[in-house]
Amino acid sequence: MIGLQFPGFPVDELLQPISWDEFFAEFEKNKLALTYQETTVGGLKSNFNKLVTRKGM
């Protein structure tokens, strides 16, 4: 499982640091895409993101 850890948020003890090369290799191997939200409906900055499976690839 791969995930993203953002500065200023609680550390997820289940995640272990890896290099960007390792991250992108796993990202491609598992055919993932990153979906994210820049702003909330109310116009505030959003931190929502999710790794999802790419369809048809």
Protein backbone atom coordinates (compact mmCIF):
# COMPACT_ATOMS: atom_id res chain seq x y z
CA MET A 1 0.00 0.00 0.00
CA ILE A 2 1.28 3.48 -0.79
CA GLY A 3 -0.01 6.75 0.58
CA LEU A 4 0.88 10.38 0.98
CA GLN A 5 1.96 12.07 4.20
CA PHE A 6 1.52 15.85 4.35
CA PRO A 7 3.49 18.21 6.61
CA GLY A 8 1.50 19.57 9.53
CA PHE A 9 -0.79 16.53 9.79
CA PRO A 10 -0.55 13.63 12.23
CA VAL A 11 2.00 10.98 11.26
CA ASP A 12 0.48 7.72 10.06
CA GLU A 13 2.58 5.07 11.81
CA LEU A 14 1.63 2.52 9.14
CA LEU A 15 3.44 4.48 6.41
CA GLN A 16 7.18 4.11 5.85
CA PRO A 17 9.20 6.65 3.87
CA ILE A 18 10.24 5.61 0.35
CA SER A 19 11.98 7.48 -2.47
CA TRP A 20 10.01 9.23 -5.21
CA ASP A 21 11.39 6.66 -7.67
CA GLU A 22 9.95 3.84 -5.55
CA PHE A 23 6.66 5.73 -5.16
CA PHE A 24 6.20 6.25 -8.89
CA ALA A 25 7.25 2.66 -9.68
CA GLU A 26 4.51 1.37 -7.34
CA PHE A 27 2.10 4.01 -8.69
CA GLU A 28 2.59 2.72 -12.25
CA LYS A 29 2.76 -0.98 -11.30
CA ASN A 30 -0.60 -0.70 -9.56
CA LYS A 31 -2.08 1.53 -12.31
CA LEU A 32 -3.03 4.28 -9.88
CA ALA A 33 -4.21 7.84 -10.39
CA LEU A 34 -4.42 10.67 -7.87
CA THR A 35 -7.72 12.45 -7.53
CA TYR A 36 -7.79 15.61 -5.46
CA GLN A 37 -9.90 18.64 -4.59
CA GLU A 38 -8.30 22.09 -4.70
CA THR A 39 -11.09 23.93 -2.90
CA THR A 40 -14.19 23.01 -0.94
CA VAL A 41 -17.69 23.92 -2.09
CA GLY A 42 -17.40 26.90 0.26
CA GLY A 43 -14.21 28.06 -1.48
CA LEU A 44 -11.73 27.06 1.23
CA LYS A 45 -8.46 25.26 0.49
CA SER A 46 -9.04 21.50 0.49
CA ASN A 47 -6.57 18.76 1.41
CA PHE A 48 -8.78 15.96 0.07
CA ASN A 49 -6.92 13.42 -2.06
CA LYS A 50 -7.30 9.76 -2.90
CA LEU A 51 -5.28 7.20 -4.85
CA VAL A 52 -7.63 5.34 -7.19
CA THR A 53 -7.26 2.62 -9.81
CA ARG A 54 -7.05 3.82 -13.41
CA LYS A 55 -9.76 2.26 -15.55
CA GLY A 56 -8.94 0.51 -18.82
CA MET A 57 -5.16 0.82 -18.64
